[in-house]
Amino acid sequence: MVAIGKLTASVLALIVLGTSISGCSAEQSNTPATAITVGSHGTTEGEILAQVYGQALADQGFDVDYNYGIGSFSNTVLSLRTGIVDLVPDYAGGLLRNVDPHSTTSVPEVILSDLPIALAPLGLAVLEPSAAESTRGFVTTPEYVRAHSLVNISDISLFSSAVSIGGPAGFEDSEYGRLALLNNYGISEFTAVEGKNDAAIIEDLVENRTQVAIVPKATAGIAENGLVILNDPQHLMDPNPIVPVIPARVYSPEFAAIVNSVSEKLTTEELGWLKGLVQESQSKTGTQQSIETIARTWLKNQALIELTE
């Protein structure tokens, strides 16, 4: 049985507000749901997240369904408030900017503090955030780190003219591109290698065709190749911690404890491992493991669901 853990500040706020929460009736607040629909934004990563949280709930007796196509961040709020879905493992930075367009913070701790406050008037709450994040990082090899004593992105500035940086299409002109690197980290010269997918960007790095790669931190190739993510003290990359968002009507201590137990185990590295298994399975011919099966195996390995089928 999952132990009931501490309540987040946002959940406590919703409990105190009770029936005054916008869009939540007394009946909704006092009768937590046992039939749950878990939503995602239509990506492979979103489907993985929906499955790991959803299957953990199903294992404890909840009747769980899935909606993998809720769309953009604006649809997260609408879908949760109108009952289309009851739980969305979502991206804190993007969701905060959607709910509060005036928010300019790029500090993860501030985002996690501000998001519950922004969601509470809408009758929504954030359960315990996971340690996983959907954020790109500047990645390099351990050999390159040792050769140049690299710790932070700014360390590249000492020899940037000799550096090739691989990244997605258009990254030179992006919010973390050439101008941003100059203004934030003093990196004035480098060769940009653009336009490849994440797997090919990692391959170029490992084969020393580039020296630095810009890829999601939850990319499987990072752990598989023992790569190093450079520190980003200026928060150049948009921080997006993954957090479970719910409406007040579905809250119960038992529900929260199950969801929080998954968040406690979910890290960026674990999410990258899950995505790697899905990618590997999809590349095979013949029998392929479904995302549902891969998520179930992970939950069993983390002792989050029973070992029996």
Protein backbone atom coordinates (compact mmCIF):
# COMPACT_ATOMS: atom_id res chain seq x y z
CA MET A 1 0.00 0.00 0.00
CA VAL A 2 1.29 3.47 -0.85
CA ALA A 3 1.96 5.64 2.18
CA ILE A 4 0.18 8.97 2.38
CA GLY A 5 2.81 11.68 2.20
CA LYS A 6 2.82 15.41 2.86
CA LEU A 7 0.42 17.74 1.11
CA THR A 8 1.73 20.39 -1.24
CA ALA A 9 0.99 24.03 -0.51
CA SER A 10 -1.36 24.22 -3.47
CA VAL A 11 -3.45 21.26 -2.25
CA LEU A 12 -3.65 22.73 1.25
CA ALA A 13 -4.81 26.00 -0.25
CA LEU A 14 -7.55 24.22 -2.18
CA ILE A 15 -8.71 22.34 0.92
CA VAL A 16 -8.88 25.60 2.90
CA LEU A 17 -10.77 27.35 0.10
CA GLY A 18 -13.23 24.44 -0.14
CA THR A 19 -16.38 25.28 -2.06
CA SER A 20 -15.20 28.79 -2.89
CA ILE A 21 -12.81 27.39 -5.50
CA SER A 22 -13.75 28.68 -8.93
CA GLY A 23 -15.57 26.02 -10.92
CA CYS A 24 -15.73 23.42 -8.14
CA SER A 25 -18.99 22.65 -6.36
CA ALA A 26 -19.30 21.32 -2.84
CA GLU A 27 -20.34 17.95 -4.25
CA GLN A 28 -17.20 17.81 -6.42
CA SER A 29 -14.91 18.80 -3.55
CA ASN A 30 -16.41 16.35 -1.04
CA THR A 31 -16.64 13.33 -3.34
CA PRO A 32 -13.21 12.54 -4.80
CA ALA A 33 -13.31 10.72 -8.11
CA THR A 34 -12.42 7.05 -8.50
CA ALA A 35 -12.73 7.09 -12.31
CA ILE A 36 -9.78 9.06 -13.66
CA THR A 37 -8.82 10.18 -17.15
CA VAL A 38 -5.11 10.99 -17.56
CA GLY A 39 -4.27 13.48 -20.30
CA SER A 40 -1.21 14.32 -22.39
CA HIS A 41 -0.19 16.59 -25.24
CA GLY A 42 0.01 14.01 -28.01
CA THR A 43 3.75 13.31 -27.85
CA THR A 44 5.60 10.07 -27.13
CA GLU A 45 6.96 11.57 -23.92
CA GLY A 46 3.47 12.67 -22.91
CA GLU A 47 2.08 9.19 -23.50
CA ILE A 48 4.86 7.66 -21.39
CA LEU A 49 4.11 10.07 -18.54
CA ALA A 50 0.38 9.41 -18.76
CA GLN A 51 0.97 5.65 -18.62
CA VAL A 52 3.31 5.65 -15.61
CA TYR A 53 0.97 7.78 -13.52
CA GLY A 54 -2.19 6.12 -14.84
CA GLN A 55 -1.04 2.55 -14.33
CA ALA A 56 0.07 3.31 -10.77
CA LEU A 57 -3.46 4.58 -10.04
CA ALA A 58 -5.06 1.60 -11.76
CA ASP A 59 -2.96 -0.77 -9.66
CA GLN A 60 -4.51 0.76 -6.54
CA GLY A 61 -8.08 0.32 -7.74
CA PHE A 62 -8.80 3.48 -9.73
CA ASP A 63 -10.69 3.13 -13.01
CA VAL A 64 -8.25 4.81 -15.43
CA ASP A 65 -8.74 6.01 -18.99
CA TYR A 66 -6.38 8.04 -21.21
CA ASN A 67 -6.71 11.05 -23.51
CA TYR A 68 -3.48 11.58 -25.45
CA GLY A 69 -4.62 14.57 -27.50
CA ILE A 70 -5.52 17.47 -25.22
CA GLY A 71 -3.35 19.87 -27.24
CA SER A 72 -1.51 22.98 -26.02
CA PHE A 73 -0.90 24.34 -22.51
CA SER A 74 -4.06 26.45 -22.76
CA ASN A 75 -6.01 23.22 -23.27
CA THR A 76 -4.50 21.77 -20.09
CA VAL A 77 -6.40 24.24 -17.95
CA LEU A 78 -9.60 23.97 -20.00
CA SER A 79 -9.51 20.17 -20.07
CA LEU A 80 -8.97 19.89 -16.32
CA ARG A 81 -11.61 22.46 -15.40
CA THR A 82 -14.29 21.01 -17.66
CA GLY A 83 -13.71 17.38 -16.67
CA ILE A 84 -12.32 16.17 -19.99
CA VAL A 85 -9.31 14.93 -18.03
CA ASP A 86 -8.56 14.60 -14.31
CA LEU A 87 -4.76 14.49 -14.24
CA VAL A 88 -2.10 15.88 -16.57
CA PRO A 89 1.63 15.31 -16.00
CA ASP A 90 2.62 18.68 -17.42
CA TYR A 91 5.52 21.07 -17.91
CA ALA A 92 5.68 23.68 -15.16
CA GLY A 93 7.45 26.47 -17.05
CA GLY A 94 5.22 26.44 -20.10
CA LEU A 95 2.06 26.05 -18.02
CA LEU A 96 2.97 28.97 -15.76
CA ARG A 97 3.55 31.29 -18.71
CA ASN A 98 0.19 30.29 -20.15
CA VAL A 99 -1.70 30.89 -16.92
CA ASP A 100 0.30 34.02 -16.00
CA PRO A 101 1.57 35.74 -19.18
CA HIS A 102 3.38 38.32 -17.03
CA SER A 103 5.66 35.69 -15.50
CA THR A 104 9.24 36.11 -16.70
CA THR A 105 11.08 33.89 -14.24
CA SER A 106 13.42 31.22 -15.55
CA VAL A 107 14.43 29.88 -12.14
CA PRO A 108 13.00 26.37 -11.60
CA GLU A 109 12.44 26.85 -7.87
CA VAL A 110 10.49 30.06 -8.47
CA ILE A 111 8.42 28.43 -11.20
CA LEU A 112 7.49 25.58 -8.86
CA SER A 113 6.58 28.10 -6.17
CA ASP A 114 4.57 30.42 -8.43
CA LEU A 115 2.63 27.80 -10.40
CA PRO A 116 0.39 26.57 -7.54
CA ILE A 117 -0.47 30.18 -6.69
CA ALA A 118 -1.43 30.87 -10.31
CA LEU A 119 -3.53 27.71 -10.58
CA ALA A 120 -5.39 27.89 -7.25
CA PRO A 121 -7.99 30.50 -8.33
CA LEU A 122 -8.84 28.18 -11.23
CA GLY A 123 -9.57 25.31 -8.86
CA LEU A 124 -6.43 23.44 -9.90
CA ALA A 125 -3.53 22.15 -7.86
CA VAL A 126 -0.04 20.76 -8.32
CA LEU A 127 0.91 17.56 -6.51
CA GLU A 128 4.54 16.77 -5.68
CA PRO A 129 6.80 17.74 -8.60
CA SER A 130 9.00 15.07 -10.08
CA ALA A 131 12.76 15.39 -10.49
CA ALA A 132 12.29 14.96 -14.25
CA GLU A 133 12.40 17.92 -16.58
CA SER A 134 11.69 18.41 -20.26
CA THR A 135 14.46 20.90 -20.96
CA ARG A 136 17.27 21.02 -23.46
CA GLY A 137 20.81 21.05 -22.20
CA PHE A 138 24.33 21.64 -23.49
CA VAL A 139 25.94 18.20 -23.46
CA THR A 140 29.48 16.99 -24.08
CA THR A 141 31.67 13.95 -23.55
CA PRO A 142 33.50 13.20 -20.28
CA GLU A 143 36.78 13.23 -22.22
CA TYR A 144 36.10 16.77 -23.43
CA VAL A 145 35.14 17.84 -19.92
CA ARG A 146 38.43 16.55 -18.53
CA ALA A 147 40.53 18.01 -21.35
CA HIS A 148 39.10 21.51 -20.90
CA SER A 149 38.00 21.51 -17.23
CA LEU A 150 34.39 22.23 -18.19
CA VAL A 151 31.69 22.78 -15.58
CA ASN A 152 29.44 25.57 -16.88
CA ILE A 153 28.36 26.55 -20.39
CA SER A 154 30.42 29.74 -19.96
CA ASP A 155 33.64 27.69 -19.86
CA ILE A 156 33.26 27.15 -23.62
CA SER A 157 33.99 30.87 -24.14
CA LEU A 158 37.71 30.29 -23.49
CA PHE A 159 38.10 28.33 -26.74
CA SER A 160 34.80 28.75 -28.59
CA SER A 161 36.42 29.35 -31.98
CA ALA A 162 37.48 25.69 -31.94
CA VAL A 163 34.07 24.36 -30.94
CA SER A 164 31.34 22.91 -33.14
CA ILE A 165 27.92 22.86 -31.50
CA GLY A 166 25.24 20.52 -32.82
CA GLY A 167 21.60 21.39 -32.32
CA PRO A 168 18.10 21.30 -33.78
CA ALA A 169 17.08 23.22 -36.87
CA GLY A 170 17.13 26.97 -36.27
CA PHE A 171 18.92 26.90 -32.94
CA GLU A 172 21.37 29.65 -33.97
CA ASP A 173 18.51 32.16 -33.98
CA SER A 174 16.67 30.70 -31.00
CA GLU A 175 16.42 31.98 -27.42
CA TYR A 176 19.49 29.86 -26.61
CA GLY A 177 21.34 30.56 -29.88
CA ARG A 178 24.27 32.70 -30.93
CA LEU A 179 23.13 36.06 -29.50
CA ALA A 180 21.96 34.52 -26.23
CA LEU A 181 25.23 32.63 -25.79
CA LEU A 182 27.18 35.84 -26.35
CA ASN A 183 25.10 37.94 -23.96
CA ASN A 184 24.82 35.36 -21.20
CA TYR A 185 28.06 33.40 -21.41
CA GLY A 186 30.47 35.41 -23.57
CA ILE A 187 30.63 32.75 -26.27
CA SER A 188 31.36 34.79 -29.36
CA GLU A 189 32.50 32.23 -31.91
CA PHE A 190 31.55 28.65 -32.69
CA THR A 191 30.57 26.55 -35.65
CA ALA A 192 26.89 25.64 -35.70
CA VAL A 193 25.76 22.26 -37.02
CA GLU A 194 21.98 22.47 -37.36
CA GLY A 195 19.02 20.47 -38.51
CA LYS A 196 19.52 16.90 -37.30
CA ASN A 197 17.31 14.90 -34.96
CA ASP A 198 18.36 14.24 -31.38
CA ALA A 199 19.81 10.78 -32.07
CA ALA A 200 21.94 12.11 -34.94
CA ILE A 201 23.08 15.08 -32.83
CA ILE A 202 24.25 12.66 -30.12
CA GLU A 203 25.98 10.48 -32.73
CA ASP A 204 27.91 13.49 -34.08
CA LEU A 205 29.04 14.31 -30.54
CA VAL A 206 30.15 10.77 -29.70
CA GLU A 207 32.04 10.52 -33.02
CA ASN A 208 33.72 13.91 -32.31
CA ARG A 209 32.20 15.58 -35.37
CA THR A 210 30.95 18.14 -32.85
CA GLN A 211 32.20 18.93 -29.37
CA VAL A 212 28.95 20.11 -27.77
CA ALA A 213 25.36 19.00 -28.41
CA ILE A 214 22.06 20.70 -27.60
CA VAL A 215 19.49 17.99 -26.87
CA PRO A 216 16.68 17.36 -24.37
CA LYS A 217 18.07 16.29 -21.01
CA ALA A 218 15.72 13.30 -21.17
CA THR A 219 17.42 11.97 -24.31
CA ALA A 220 18.32 8.29 -23.92
CA GLY A 221 21.72 8.72 -25.56
CA ILE A 222 22.97 10.90 -22.72
CA ALA A 223 22.97 8.12 -20.13
CA GLU A 224 23.83 5.41 -22.65
CA ASN A 225 27.04 7.20 -23.64
CA GLY A 226 27.92 8.60 -20.22
CA LEU A 227 27.63 12.17 -21.47
CA VAL A 228 27.84 15.24 -19.25
CA ILE A 229 25.29 18.06 -19.06
CA LEU A 230 26.98 21.42 -18.51
CA ASN A 231 25.58 23.70 -15.81
CA ASP A 232 23.39 26.58 -16.98
CA PRO A 233 23.51 29.10 -14.09
CA GLN A 234 21.87 31.84 -16.18
CA HIS A 235 18.93 29.53 -16.97
CA LEU A 236 19.39 30.07 -20.69
CA MET A 237 17.32 26.99 -21.35
CA ASP A 238 13.64 27.21 -20.52
CA PRO A 239 13.16 25.14 -17.34
CA ASN A 240 10.25 22.72 -17.52
CA PRO A 241 10.01 20.50 -14.44
CA ILE A 242 7.35 17.84 -14.89
CA VAL A 243 4.51 18.20 -12.41
CA PRO A 244 1.16 16.40 -11.93
CA VAL A 245 -1.72 18.89 -12.22
CA ILE A 246 -5.22 18.05 -10.98
CA PRO A 247 -8.58 19.72 -10.33
CA ALA A 248 -9.73 19.91 -6.72
CA ARG A 249 -12.68 17.59 -7.41
CA VAL A 250 -10.44 14.52 -7.81
CA TYR A 251 -8.28 15.10 -4.74
CA SER A 252 -8.08 12.56 -1.97
CA PRO A 253 -5.13 11.68 0.28
CA GLU A 254 -4.98 8.20 -1.30
CA PHE A 255 -4.97 9.60 -4.84
CA ALA A 256 -2.25 12.13 -3.98
CA ALA A 257 -0.10 9.50 -2.27
CA ILE A 258 -0.11 7.27 -5.37
CA VAL A 259 0.70 10.14 -7.73
CA ASN A 260 3.40 11.48 -5.42
CA SER A 261 5.03 8.03 -5.18
CA VAL A 262 5.51 8.05 -8.96
CA SER A 263 6.91 11.60 -8.90
CA GLU A 264 9.44 10.55 -6.25
CA LYS A 265 10.88 7.91 -8.60
CA LEU A 266 10.69 9.83 -11.87
CA THR A 267 13.93 11.56 -12.83
CA THR A 268 15.19 13.05 -16.07
CA GLU A 269 17.51 10.07 -16.51
CA GLU A 270 14.68 7.57 -15.91
CA LEU A 271 12.47 9.39 -18.42
CA GLY A 272 15.31 9.31 -20.94
CA TRP A 273 15.68 5.57 -20.37
CA LEU A 274 11.95 5.06 -20.97
CA LYS A 275 12.05 7.14 -24.16
CA GLY A 276 15.06 5.15 -25.34
CA LEU A 277 13.23 1.85 -24.88
CA VAL A 278 10.25 3.18 -26.83
CA GLN A 279 12.50 4.45 -29.62
CA GLU A 280 14.37 1.13 -29.75
CA SER A 281 11.14 -0.83 -29.85
CA GLN A 282 9.64 1.33 -32.58
CA SER A 283 12.73 0.86 -34.74
CA LYS A 284 12.41 -2.93 -34.67
CA THR A 285 10.57 -5.01 -37.20
CA GLY A 286 8.21 -7.71 -36.01
CA THR A 287 7.08 -7.75 -32.37
CA GLN A 288 7.25 -4.36 -30.69
CA GLN A 289 6.73 -3.46 -27.05
CA SER A 290 3.95 -0.95 -26.54
CA ILE A 291 4.43 2.17 -24.44
CA GLU A 292 1.95 0.62 -22.01
CA THR A 293 4.17 -2.46 -21.58
CA ILE A 294 7.36 -0.42 -21.24
CA ALA A 295 5.74 1.82 -18.62
CA ARG A 296 4.44 -1.22 -16.70
CA THR A 297 7.91 -2.78 -16.62
CA TRP A 298 9.38 0.46 -15.26
CA LEU A 299 6.71 0.68 -12.57
CA LYS A 300 7.42 -2.91 -11.51
CA ASN A 301 11.16 -2.25 -11.41
CA GLN A 302 10.52 0.76 -9.17
CA ALA A 303 8.22 -1.30 -6.90
CA LEU A 304 5.35 1.06 -7.65
CA ILE A 305 2.91 -1.64 -8.75
CA GLU A 306 2.41 -5.29 -7.83
CA LEU A 307 4.58 -7.85 -9.61
CA THR A 308 1.62 -10.03 -10.56
CA GLU A 309 -0.04 -9.47 -13.94
